[in-house]
């Protein structure tokens, strides 16, 4: 696969992973935590594909095969890093939402 296709794979997989993570967050807002967890697993698998492609490009460069630094490559790196960051944040947000829901359920149970 040529470098340009690998760059597009990083962009595509990073974007897909981020979009799926936001779907998981929406599910969590609706209290559907099991489905949200499955979506996060899916997001992380796709994110791993993007990260593996990045690692492959880095390994090529370490071995002397330079990848041209282009605006597209910069965009791909930016896209991947923001996806990693947002997915990590979404994971924490889902944990917080779960705690809030559990706390509300416990509070309601104590009042009955």
PDB file of N, CA and C in Angstrom:
ATOM      1  N   UNK A   1       0.860  -1.177   0.000  1.00  0.00           N
ATOM      2  CA  UNK A   1       0.000   0.000   0.000  1.00  0.00           C
ATOM      3  C   UNK A   1       0.903   1.236   0.000  1.00  0.00           C
ATOM      4  N   UNK A   2       0.575   2.204  -0.837  1.00  0.00           N
ATOM      5  CA  UNK A   2       1.410   3.395  -0.895  1.00  0.00           C
ATOM      6  C   UNK A   2       1.113   4.317   0.285  1.00  0.00           C
ATOM      7  N   UNK A   3       2.015   5.254   0.518  1.00  0.00           N
ATOM      8  CA  UNK A   3       1.925   6.135   1.684  1.00  0.00           C
ATOM      9  C   UNK A   3       0.627   6.941   1.694  1.00  0.00           C
ATOM     10  N   UNK A   4       0.193   7.402   0.544  1.00  0.00           N
ATOM     11  CA  UNK A   4      -1.028   8.206   0.497  1.00  0.00           C
ATOM     12  C   UNK A   4      -2.243   7.396   0.958  1.00  0.00           C
ATOM     13  N   UNK A   5      -2.322   6.145   0.543  1.00  0.00           N
ATOM     14  CA  UNK A   5      -3.436   5.293   0.982  1.00  0.00           C
ATOM     15  C   UNK A   5      -3.360   5.035   2.488  1.00  0.00           C
ATOM     16  N   UNK A   6      -2.139   4.857   2.998  1.00  0.00           N
ATOM     17  CA  UNK A   6      -1.984   4.650   4.441  1.00  0.00           C
ATOM     18  C   UNK A   6      -2.427   5.895   5.206  1.00  0.00           C
ATOM     19  N   UNK A   7      -2.091   7.065   4.681  1.00  0.00           N
ATOM     20  CA  UNK A   7      -2.515   8.321   5.305  1.00  0.00           C
ATOM     21  C   UNK A   7      -4.035   8.406   5.310  1.00  0.00           C
ATOM     22  N   UNK A   8      -4.663   8.064   4.204  1.00  0.00           N
ATOM     23  CA  UNK A   8      -6.122   8.078   4.150  1.00  0.00           C
ATOM     24  C   UNK A   8      -6.728   7.066   5.119  1.00  0.00           C
ATOM     25  N   UNK A   9      -6.065   5.933   5.314  1.00  0.00           N
ATOM     26  CA  UNK A   9      -6.541   4.946   6.285  1.00  0.00           C
ATOM     27  C   UNK A   9      -6.519   5.515   7.700  1.00  0.00           C
ATOM     28  N   UNK A  10      -5.473   6.260   8.026  1.00  0.00           N
ATOM     29  CA  UNK A  10      -5.396   6.889   9.349  1.00  0.00           C
ATOM     30  C   UNK A  10      -6.566   7.854   9.530  1.00  0.00           C
ATOM     31  N   UNK A  11      -6.792   8.690   8.531  1.00  0.00           N
ATOM     32  CA  UNK A  11      -7.871   9.675   8.606  1.00  0.00           C
ATOM     33  C   UNK A  11      -9.228   8.982   8.712  1.00  0.00           C
ATOM     34  N   UNK A  12      -9.460   8.011   7.857  1.00  0.00           N
ATOM     35  CA  UNK A  12     -10.745   7.327   7.818  1.00  0.00           C
ATOM     36  C   UNK A  12     -11.021   6.555   9.109  1.00  0.00           C
ATOM     37  N   UNK A  13     -10.065   5.748   9.529  1.00  0.00           N
ATOM     38  CA  UNK A  13     -10.265   4.948  10.734  1.00  0.00           C
ATOM     39  C   UNK A  13     -10.345   5.825  11.977  1.00  0.00           C
ATOM     40  N   UNK A  14      -9.536   6.867  12.045  1.00  0.00           N
ATOM     41  CA  UNK A  14      -9.613   7.786  13.179  1.00  0.00           C
ATOM     42  C   UNK A  14     -10.978   8.452  13.259  1.00  0.00           C
ATOM     43  N   UNK A  15     -11.463   8.919  12.128  1.00  0.00           N
ATOM     44  CA  UNK A  15     -12.786   9.561  12.093  1.00  0.00           C
ATOM     45  C   UNK A  15     -13.906   8.601  12.419  1.00  0.00           C
ATOM     46  N   UNK A  16     -13.828   7.404  11.879  1.00  0.00           N
ATOM     47  CA  UNK A  16     -14.863   6.398  12.169  1.00  0.00           C
ATOM     48  C   UNK A  16     -14.885   6.051  13.652  1.00  0.00           C
ATOM     49  N   UNK A  17     -13.699   5.864  14.233  1.00  0.00           N
ATOM     50  CA  UNK A  17     -13.614   5.515  15.651  1.00  0.00           C
ATOM     51  C   UNK A  17     -14.213   6.619  16.521  1.00  0.00           C
ATOM     52  N   UNK A  18     -13.903   7.858  16.192  1.00  0.00           N
ATOM     53  CA  UNK A  18     -14.428   8.983  16.959  1.00  0.00           C
ATOM     54  C   UNK A  18     -15.956   9.063  16.836  1.00  0.00           C
ATOM     55  N   UNK A  19     -16.472   8.878  15.639  1.00  0.00           N
ATOM     56  CA  UNK A  19     -17.925   8.929  15.427  1.00  0.00           C
ATOM     57  C   UNK A  19     -18.632   7.826  16.216  1.00  0.00           C
ATOM     58  N   UNK A  20     -18.064   6.646  16.228  1.00  0.00           N
ATOM     59  CA  UNK A  20     -18.667   5.529  16.960  1.00  0.00           C
ATOM     60  C   UNK A  20     -18.626   5.797  18.469  1.00  0.00           C
ATOM     61  N   UNK A  21     -17.549   6.407  18.939  1.00  0.00           N
ATOM     62  CA  UNK A  21     -17.460   6.750  20.363  1.00  0.00           C
ATOM     63  C   UNK A  21     -18.548   7.747  20.748  1.00  0.00           C
ATOM     64  N   UNK A  22     -18.825   8.694  19.867  1.00  0.00           N
ATOM     65  CA  UNK A  22     -19.913   9.640  20.146  1.00  0.00           C
ATOM     66  C   UNK A  22     -21.269   8.943  20.136  1.00  0.00           C
ATOM     67  N   UNK A  23     -21.426   7.921  19.301  1.00  0.00           N
ATOM     68  CA  UNK A  23     -22.653   7.117  19.343  1.00  0.00           C
ATOM     69  C   UNK A  23     -22.767   6.429  20.709  1.00  0.00           C
ATOM     70  N   UNK A  24     -21.657   5.934  21.205  1.00  0.00           N
ATOM     71  CA  UNK A  24     -21.649   5.289  22.524  1.00  0.00           C
ATOM     72  C   UNK A  24     -22.053   6.279  23.608  1.00  0.00           C
ATOM     73  N   UNK A  25     -21.560   7.494  23.519  1.00  0.00           N
ATOM     74  CA  UNK A  25     -21.916   8.517  24.503  1.00  0.00           C
ATOM     75  C   UNK A  25     -23.416   8.805  24.473  1.00  0.00           C
ATOM     76  N   UNK A  26     -23.986   8.864  23.284  1.00  0.00           N
ATOM     77  CA  UNK A  26     -25.437   9.074  23.164  1.00  0.00           C
ATOM     78  C   UNK A  26     -26.210   7.919  23.798  1.00  0.00           C
ATOM     79  N   UNK A  27     -25.744   6.709  23.580  1.00  0.00           N
ATOM     80  CA  UNK A  27     -26.390   5.551  24.196  1.00  0.00           C
ATOM     81  C   UNK A  27     -26.301   5.636  25.720  1.00  0.00           C
ATOM     82  N   UNK A  28     -25.159   6.070  26.222  1.00  0.00           N
ATOM     83  CA  UNK A  28     -24.985   6.206  27.667  1.00  0.00           C
ATOM     84  C   UNK A  28     -25.929   7.264  28.226  1.00  0.00           C
ATOM     85  N   UNK A  29     -26.120   8.349  27.493  1.00  0.00           N
ATOM     86  CA  UNK A  29     -27.065   9.386  27.925  1.00  0.00           C
ATOM     87  C   UNK A  29     -28.477   8.818  28.051  1.00  0.00           C
ATOM     88  N   UNK A  30     -28.772   7.806  27.281  1.00  0.00           N
ATOM     89  CA  UNK A  30     -30.091   7.168  27.329  1.00  0.00           C
ATOM     90  C   UNK A  30     -30.129   6.017  28.334  1.00  0.00           C
ATOM     91  N   UNK A  31     -29.006   5.805  29.047  1.00  0.00           N
ATOM     92  CA  UNK A  31     -28.951   4.741  30.043  1.00  0.00           C
ATOM     93  C   UNK A  31     -28.684   3.365  29.470  1.00  0.00           C
ATOM     94  N   UNK A  32     -28.319   3.287  28.217  1.00  0.00           N
ATOM     95  CA  UNK A  32     -28.079   1.996  27.553  1.00  0.00           C
ATOM     96  C   UNK A  32     -26.580   1.674  27.602  1.00  0.00           C
ATOM     97  N   UNK A  33     -26.106   1.397  28.819  1.00  0.00           N
ATOM     98  CA  UNK A  33     -24.675   1.267  29.063  1.00  0.00           C
ATOM     99  C   UNK A  33     -24.056   0.022  28.437  1.00  0.00           C
ATOM    100  N   UNK A  34     -24.799  -1.071  28.365  1.00  0.00           N
ATOM    101  CA  UNK A  34     -24.256  -2.278  27.732  1.00  0.00           C
ATOM    102  C   UNK A  34     -23.980  -2.023  26.250  1.00  0.00           C
ATOM    103  N   UNK A  35     -24.937  -1.385  25.582  1.00  0.00           N
ATOM    104  CA  UNK A  35     -24.741  -1.060  24.169  1.00  0.00           C
ATOM    105  C   UNK A  35     -23.624  -0.036  23.995  1.00  0.00           C
ATOM    106  N   UNK A  36     -23.551   0.915  24.911  1.00  0.00           N
ATOM    107  CA  UNK A  36     -22.484   1.919  24.857  1.00  0.00           C
ATOM    108  C   UNK A  36     -21.124   1.243  24.985  1.00  0.00           C
ATOM    109  N   UNK A  37     -21.034   0.275  25.867  1.00  0.00           N
ATOM    110  CA  UNK A  37     -19.776  -0.454  26.045  1.00  0.00           C
ATOM    111  C   UNK A  37     -19.355  -1.195  24.784  1.00  0.00           C
ATOM    112  N   UNK A  38     -20.324  -1.794  24.121  1.00  0.00           N
ATOM    113  CA  UNK A  38     -20.027  -2.495  22.866  1.00  0.00           C
ATOM    114  C   UNK A  38     -19.558  -1.519  21.789  1.00  0.00           C
ATOM    115  N   UNK A  39     -20.191  -0.352  21.751  1.00  0.00           N
ATOM    116  CA  UNK A  39     -19.779   0.670  20.780  1.00  0.00           C
ATOM    117  C   UNK A  39     -18.361   1.151  21.076  1.00  0.00           C
ATOM    118  N   UNK A  40     -18.038   1.297  22.348  1.00  0.00           N
ATOM    119  CA  UNK A  40     -16.684   1.740  22.705  1.00  0.00           C
ATOM    120  C   UNK A  40     -15.646   0.681  22.330  1.00  0.00           C
ATOM    121  N   UNK A  41     -16.000  -0.583  22.490  1.00  0.00           N
ATOM    122  CA  UNK A  41     -15.101  -1.655  22.056  1.00  0.00           C
ATOM    123  C   UNK A  41     -14.861  -1.555  20.549  1.00  0.00           C
ATOM    124  N   UNK A  42     -15.937  -1.325  19.805  1.00  0.00           N
ATOM    125  CA  UNK A  42     -15.840  -1.182  18.353  1.00  0.00           C
ATOM    126  C   UNK A  42     -14.972   0.034  17.995  1.00  0.00           C
ATOM    127  N   UNK A  43     -15.209   1.133  18.680  1.00  0.00           N
ATOM    128  CA  UNK A  43     -14.426   2.353  18.426  1.00  0.00           C
ATOM    129  C   UNK A  43     -12.948   2.105  18.676  1.00  0.00           C
ATOM    130  N   UNK A  44     -12.635   1.420  19.757  1.00  0.00           N
ATOM    131  CA  UNK A  44     -11.234   1.158  20.080  1.00  0.00           C
ATOM    132  C   UNK A  44     -10.573   0.209  19.088  1.00  0.00           C
ATOM    133  N   UNK A  45     -11.321  -0.762  18.567  1.00  0.00           N
ATOM    134  CA  UNK A  45     -10.766  -1.657  17.546  1.00  0.00           C
ATOM    135  C   UNK A  45     -10.413  -0.879  16.275  1.00  0.00           C
ATOM    136  N   UNK A  46     -11.295   0.014  15.887  1.00  0.00           N
ATOM    137  CA  UNK A  46     -11.047   0.814  14.684  1.00  0.00           C
ATOM    138  C   UNK A  46      -9.923   1.809  14.931  1.00  0.00           C
ATOM    139  N   UNK A  47      -9.884   2.384  16.120  1.00  0.00           N
ATOM    140  CA  UNK A  47      -8.798   3.293  16.473  1.00  0.00           C
ATOM    141  C   UNK A  47      -7.456   2.574  16.427  1.00  0.00           C
ATOM    142  N   UNK A  48      -7.442   1.321  16.846  1.00  0.00           N
ATOM    143  CA  UNK A  48      -6.215   0.525  16.809  1.00  0.00           C
ATOM    144  C   UNK A  48      -5.726   0.350  15.373  1.00  0.00           C
ATOM    145  N   UNK A  49      -6.646   0.202  14.430  1.00  0.00           N
ATOM    146  CA  UNK A  49      -6.253   0.097  13.021  1.00  0.00           C
ATOM    147  C   UNK A  49      -5.519   1.361  12.580  1.00  0.00           C
ATOM    148  N   UNK A  50      -6.065   2.520  12.950  1.00  0.00           N
ATOM    149  CA  UNK A  50      -5.433   3.789  12.588  1.00  0.00           C
ATOM    150  C   UNK A  50      -4.067   3.897  13.241  1.00  0.00           C
ATOM    151  N   UNK A  51      -3.991   3.532  14.507  1.00  0.00           N
ATOM    152  CA  UNK A  51      -2.724   3.617  15.228  1.00  0.00           C
ATOM    153  C   UNK A  51      -1.692   2.658  14.660  1.00  0.00           C
ATOM    154  N   UNK A  52      -2.135   1.466  14.279  1.00  0.00           N
ATOM    155  CA  UNK A  52      -1.215   0.493  13.679  1.00  0.00           C
ATOM    156  C   UNK A  52      -0.658   0.998  12.350  1.00  0.00           C
ATOM    157  N   UNK A  53      -1.483   1.676  11.580  1.00  0.00           N
ATOM    158  CA  UNK A  53      -1.010   2.250  10.314  1.00  0.00           C
ATOM    159  C   UNK A  53       0.022   3.324  10.591  1.00  0.00           C
ATOM    160  N   UNK A  54      -0.235   4.150  11.580  1.00  0.00           N
ATOM    161  CA  UNK A  54       0.734   5.184  11.960  1.00  0.00           C
ATOM    162  C   UNK A  54       2.054   4.535  12.385  1.00  0.00           C
ATOM    163  N   UNK A  55       1.966   3.496  13.202  1.00  0.00           N
ATOM    164  CA  UNK A  55       3.164   2.790  13.676  1.00  0.00           C
ATOM    165  C   UNK A  55       3.944   2.211  12.507  1.00  0.00           C
ATOM    166  N   UNK A  56       3.230   1.667  11.527  1.00  0.00           N
ATOM    167  CA  UNK A  56       3.872   1.112  10.335  1.00  0.00           C
ATOM    168  C   UNK A  56       4.667   2.191   9.596  1.00  0.00           C
ATOM    169  N   UNK A  57       4.078   3.365   9.456  1.00  0.00           N
ATOM    170  CA  UNK A  57       4.776   4.471   8.789  1.00  0.00           C
ATOM    171  C   UNK A  57       6.007   4.907   9.587  1.00  0.00           C
ATOM    172  N   UNK A  58       5.875   4.934  10.897  1.00  0.00           N
ATOM    173  CA  UNK A  58       7.013   5.304  11.745  1.00  0.00           C
ATOM    174  C   UNK A  58       8.132   4.276  11.614  1.00  0.00           C
ATOM    175  N   UNK A  59       7.772   3.001  11.611  1.00  0.00           N
ATOM    176  CA  UNK A  59       8.777   1.940  11.475  1.00  0.00           C
ATOM    177  C   UNK A  59       9.493   2.029  10.134  1.00  0.00           C
ATOM    178  N   UNK A  60       8.745   2.346   9.080  1.00  0.00           N
ATOM    179  CA  UNK A  60       9.367   2.515   7.769  1.00  0.00           C
ATOM    180  C   UNK A  60      10.396   3.637   7.810  1.00  0.00           C
ATOM    181  N   UNK A  61      10.029   4.721   8.456  1.00  0.00           N
ATOM    182  CA  UNK A  61      10.953   5.855   8.536  1.00  0.00           C
ATOM    183  C   UNK A  61      12.191   5.509   9.352  1.00  0.00           C
ATOM    184  N   UNK A  62      11.998   4.779  10.435  1.00  0.00           N
ATOM    185  CA  UNK A  62      13.137   4.338  11.245  1.00  0.00           C
ATOM    186  C   UNK A  62      14.083   3.482  10.415  1.00  0.00           C
ATOM    187  N   UNK A  63      13.522   2.702   9.494  1.00  0.00           N
ATOM    188  CA  UNK A  63      14.323   1.823   8.635  1.00  0.00           C
ATOM    189  C   UNK A  63      14.857   2.533   7.388  1.00  0.00           C
ATOM    190  N   UNK A  64      14.737   3.844   7.356  1.00  0.00           N
ATOM    191  CA  UNK A  64      15.324   4.612   6.270  1.00  0.00           C
ATOM    192  C   UNK A  64      14.400   4.947   5.119  1.00  0.00           C
ATOM    193  N   UNK A  65      13.174   4.492   5.164  1.00  0.00           N
ATOM    194  CA  UNK A  65      12.220   4.781   4.094  1.00  0.00           C
ATOM    195  C   UNK A  65      11.401   6.006   4.496  1.00  0.00           C
ATOM    196  N   UNK A  66      11.807   7.152   4.027  1.00  0.00           N
ATOM    197  CA  UNK A  66      11.180   8.412   4.430  1.00  0.00           C
ATOM    198  C   UNK A  66       9.781   8.547   3.827  1.00  0.00           C
ATOM    199  N   UNK A  67       8.871   9.058   4.649  1.00  0.00           N
ATOM    200  CA  UNK A  67       7.527   9.392   4.191  1.00  0.00           C
ATOM    201  C   UNK A  67       7.494  10.899   4.007  1.00  0.00           C
ATOM    202  N   UNK A  68       7.024  11.330   2.856  1.00  0.00           N
ATOM    203  CA  UNK A  68       6.957  12.766   2.583  1.00  0.00           C
ATOM    204  C   UNK A  68       6.023  13.435   3.586  1.00  0.00           C
ATOM    205  N   UNK A  69       6.515  14.514   4.192  1.00  0.00           N
ATOM    206  CA  UNK A  69       5.690  15.261   5.124  1.00  0.00           C
ATOM    207  C   UNK A  69       4.847  16.240   4.317  1.00  0.00           C
ATOM    208  N   UNK A  70       3.561  15.976   4.278  1.00  0.00           N
ATOM    209  CA  UNK A  70       2.640  16.801   3.509  1.00  0.00           C
ATOM    210  C   UNK A  70       1.563  17.330   4.432  1.00  0.00           C
ATOM    211  N   UNK A  71       0.791  18.253   3.929  1.00  0.00           N
ATOM    212  CA  UNK A  71      -0.334  18.763   4.699  1.00  0.00           C
ATOM    213  C   UNK A  71      -1.307  17.623   5.018  1.00  0.00           C
ATOM    214  N   UNK A  72      -1.454  16.699   4.092  1.00  0.00           N
ATOM    215  CA  UNK A  72      -2.327  15.547   4.304  1.00  0.00           C
ATOM    216  C   UNK A  72      -1.820  14.688   5.467  1.00  0.00           C
ATOM    217  N   UNK A  73      -0.504  14.493   5.544  1.00  0.00           N
ATOM    218  CA  UNK A  73       0.078  13.716   6.645  1.00  0.00           C
ATOM    219  C   UNK A  73      -0.137  14.447   7.974  1.00  0.00           C
ATOM    220  N   UNK A  74       0.056  15.743   7.982  1.00  0.00           N
ATOM    221  CA  UNK A  74      -0.169  16.522   9.201  1.00  0.00           C
ATOM    222  C   UNK A  74      -1.633  16.393   9.626  1.00  0.00           C
ATOM    223  N   UNK A  75      -2.521  16.477   8.665  1.00  0.00           N
ATOM    224  CA  UNK A  75      -3.956  16.340   8.952  1.00  0.00           C
ATOM    225  C   UNK A  75      -4.252  14.961   9.537  1.00  0.00           C
ATOM    226  N   UNK A  76      -3.645  13.937   8.982  1.00  0.00           N
ATOM    227  CA  UNK A  76      -3.869  12.578   9.472  1.00  0.00           C
ATOM    228  C   UNK A  76      -3.401  12.443  10.919  1.00  0.00           C
ATOM    229  N   UNK A  77      -2.233  12.984  11.207  1.00  0.00           N
ATOM    230  CA  UNK A  77      -1.703  12.907  12.570  1.00  0.00           C
ATOM    231  C   UNK A  77      -2.598  13.677  13.540  1.00  0.00           C
ATOM    232  N   UNK A  78      -3.034  14.847  13.129  1.00  0.00           N
ATOM    233  CA  UNK A  78      -3.922  15.659  13.957  1.00  0.00           C
ATOM    234  C   UNK A  78      -5.237  14.923  14.198  1.00  0.00           C
ATOM    235  N   UNK A  79      -5.761  14.333  13.153  1.00  0.00           N
ATOM    236  CA  UNK A  79      -7.026  13.597  13.225  1.00  0.00           C
ATOM    237  C   UNK A  79      -6.908  12.421  14.195  1.00  0.00           C
ATOM    238  N   UNK A  80      -5.820  11.689  14.093  1.00  0.00           N
ATOM    239  CA  UNK A  80      -5.616  10.523  14.951  1.00  0.00           C
ATOM    240  C   UNK A  80      -5.460  10.948  16.410  1.00  0.00           C
ATOM    241  N   UNK A  81      -4.658  11.947  16.652  1.00  0.00           N
ATOM    242  CA  UNK A  81      -4.430  12.365  18.035  1.00  0.00           C
ATOM    243  C   UNK A  81      -5.702  12.932  18.669  1.00  0.00           C
ATOM    244  N   UNK A  82      -6.495  13.655  17.905  1.00  0.00           N
ATOM    245  CA  UNK A  82      -7.751  14.166  18.474  1.00  0.00           C
ATOM    246  C   UNK A  82      -8.720  13.012  18.718  1.00  0.00           C
ATOM    247  N   UNK A  83      -8.717  12.013  17.855  1.00  0.00           N
ATOM    248  CA  UNK A  83      -9.579  10.846  18.064  1.00  0.00           C
ATOM    249  C   UNK A  83      -9.179  10.103  19.338  1.00  0.00           C
ATOM    250  N   UNK A  84      -7.891   9.908  19.535  1.00  0.00           N
ATOM    251  CA  UNK A  84      -7.410   9.234  20.748  1.00  0.00           C
ATOM    252  C   UNK A  84      -7.844  10.014  21.980  1.00  0.00           C
ATOM    253  N   UNK A  85      -7.648  11.309  21.944  1.00  0.00           N
ATOM    254  CA  UNK A  85      -7.991  12.156  23.088  1.00  0.00           C
ATOM    255  C   UNK A  85      -9.487  12.157  23.363  1.00  0.00           C
ATOM    256  N   UNK A  86     -10.290  12.329  22.326  1.00  0.00           N
ATOM    257  CA  UNK A  86     -11.740  12.378  22.516  1.00  0.00           C
ATOM    258  C   UNK A  86     -12.297  11.044  22.982  1.00  0.00           C
ATOM    259  N   UNK A  87     -11.782   9.955  22.449  1.00  0.00           N
ATOM    260  CA  UNK A  87     -12.257   8.633  22.866  1.00  0.00           C
ATOM    261  C   UNK A  87     -11.925   8.391  24.335  1.00  0.00           C
ATOM    262  N   UNK A  88     -10.743   8.799  24.753  1.00  0.00           N
ATOM    263  CA  UNK A  88     -10.378   8.667  26.171  1.00  0.00           C
ATOM    264  C   UNK A  88     -11.321   9.481  27.051  1.00  0.00           C
ATOM    265  N   UNK A  89     -11.626  10.679  26.621  1.00  0.00           N
ATOM    266  CA  UNK A  89     -12.532  11.540  27.377  1.00  0.00           C
ATOM    267  C   UNK A  89     -13.944  10.954  27.406  1.00  0.00           C
ATOM    268  N   UNK A  90     -14.408  10.439  26.276  1.00  0.00           N
ATOM    269  CA  UNK A  90     -15.738   9.833  26.213  1.00  0.00           C
ATOM    270  C   UNK A  90     -15.832   8.625  27.142  1.00  0.00           C
ATOM    271  N   UNK A  91     -14.762   7.834  27.215  1.00  0.00           N
ATOM    272  CA  UNK A  91     -14.757   6.693  28.142  1.00  0.00           C
ATOM    273  C   UNK A  91     -14.992   7.166  29.573  1.00  0.00           C
ATOM    274  N   UNK A  92     -14.337   8.248  29.950  1.00  0.00           N
ATOM    275  CA  UNK A  92     -14.508   8.785  31.302  1.00  0.00           C
ATOM    276  C   UNK A  92     -15.905   9.362  31.499  1.00  0.00           C
ATOM    277  N   UNK A  93     -16.436  10.012  30.484  1.00  0.00           N
ATOM    278  CA  UNK A  93     -17.783  10.583  30.575  1.00  0.00           C
ATOM    279  C   UNK A  93     -18.824   9.483  30.769  1.00  0.00           C
ATOM    280  N   UNK A  94     -18.645   8.377  30.084  1.00  0.00           N
ATOM    281  CA  UNK A  94     -19.580   7.259  30.229  1.00  0.00           C
ATOM    282  C   UNK A  94     -19.514   6.696  31.649  1.00  0.00           C
ATOM    283  N   UNK A  95     -18.312   6.609  32.199  1.00  0.00           N
ATOM    284  CA  UNK A  95     -18.174   6.148  33.584  1.00  0.00           C
ATOM    285  C   UNK A  95     -18.908   7.092  34.541  1.00  0.00           C
ATOM    286  N   UNK A  96     -18.778   8.384  34.317  1.00  0.00           N
ATOM    287  CA  UNK A  96     -19.457   9.363  35.163  1.00  0.00           C
ATOM    288  C   UNK A  96     -20.971   9.219  35.027  1.00  0.00           C
ATOM    289  N   UNK A  97     -21.440   9.103  33.788  1.00  0.00           N
ATOM    290  CA  UNK A  97     -22.886   8.933  33.581  1.00  0.00           C
ATOM    291  C   UNK A  97     -23.405   7.687  34.282  1.00  0.00           C
ATOM    292  N   UNK A  98     -22.643   6.610  34.216  1.00  0.00           N
ATOM    293  CA  UNK A  98     -23.055   5.364  34.883  1.00  0.00           C
ATOM    294  C   UNK A  98     -23.160   5.582  36.396  1.00  0.00           C
ATOM    295  N   UNK A  99     -22.177   6.274  36.962  1.00  0.00           N
ATOM    296  CA  UNK A  99     -22.216   6.553  38.401  1.00  0.00           C
ATOM    297  C   UNK A  99     -23.420   7.410  38.773  1.00  0.00           C
ATOM    298  N   UNK A 100     -23.718   8.403  37.976  1.00  0.00           N
ATOM    299  CA  UNK A 100     -24.859   9.276  38.245  1.00  0.00           C
ATOM    300  C   UNK A 100     -26.152   8.463  38.220  1.00  0.00           C
ATOM    301  N   UNK A 101     -26.315   7.647  37.210  1.00  0.00           N
ATOM    302  CA  UNK A 101     -27.530   6.831  37.093  1.00  0.00           C
ATOM    303  C   UNK A 101     -27.625   5.869  38.274  1.00  0.00           C
ATOM    304  N   UNK A 102     -26.524   5.205  38.611  1.00  0.00           N
ATOM    305  CA  UNK A 102     -26.544   4.272  39.742  1.00  0.00           C
ATOM    306  C   UNK A 102     -26.861   4.996  41.045  1.00  0.00           C
ATOM    307  N   UNK A 103     -26.301   6.182  41.208  1.00  0.00           N
ATOM    308  CA  UNK A 103     -26.564   6.974  42.412  1.00  0.00           C
ATOM    309  C   UNK A 103     -28.035   7.369  42.494  1.00  0.00           C
ATOM    310  N   UNK A 104     -28.605   7.788  41.373  1.00  0.00           N
ATOM    311  CA  UNK A 104     -30.019   8.156  41.328  1.00  0.00           C
ATOM    312  C   UNK A 104     -30.900   6.941  41.638  1.00  0.00           C
ATOM    313  N   UNK A 105     -30.518   5.794  41.095  1.00  0.00           N
ATOM    314  CA  UNK A 105     -31.297   4.577  41.350  1.00  0.00           C
ATOM    315  C   UNK A 105     -31.226   4.202  42.826  1.00  0.00           C
ATOM    316  N   UNK A 106     -30.045   4.328  43.412  1.00  0.00           N
ATOM    317  CA  UNK A 106     -29.888   4.015  44.840  1.00  0.00           C
ATOM    318  C   UNK A 106     -30.670   4.997  45.707  1.00  0.00           C
ATOM    319  N   UNK A 107     -30.675   6.264  45.331  1.00  0.00           N
ATOM    320  CA  UNK A 107     -31.402   7.274  46.070  1.00  0.00           C
ATOM    321  C   UNK A 107     -32.899   7.005  46.016  1.00  0.00           C
ATOM    322  N   UNK A 108     -33.385   6.681  44.827  1.00  0.00           N
ATOM    323  CA  UNK A 108     -34.814   6.368  44.681  1.00  0.00           C
ATOM    324  C   UNK A 108     -35.180   5.140  45.495  1.00  0.00           C
ATOM    325  N   UNK A 109     -34.290   4.165  45.501  1.00  0.00           N
ATOM    326  CA  UNK A 109     -34.545   2.930  46.245  1.00  0.00           C
ATOM    327  C   UNK A 109     -34.600   3.161  47.742  1.00  0.00           C
ATOM    328  N   UNK A 110     -33.789   4.098  48.242  1.00  0.00           N
ATOM    329  CA  UNK A 110     -33.771   4.387  49.666  1.00  0.00           C
ATOM    330  C   UNK A 110     -35.015   5.150  50.100  1.00  0.00           C
ATOM    331  N   UNK A 111     -35.581   5.967  49.207  1.00  0.00           N
ATOM    332  CA  UNK A 111     -36.747   6.776  49.553  1.00  0.00           C
ATOM    333  C   UNK A 111     -38.031   5.967  49.564  1.00  0.00           C
ATOM    334  N   UNK A 112     -38.047   4.848  48.898  1.00  0.00           N
ATOM    335  CA  UNK A 112     -39.278   4.039  48.792  1.00  0.00           C
ATOM    336  C   UNK A 112     -39.564   3.312  50.061  1.00  0.00           C
TER     337      UNK A 112
END
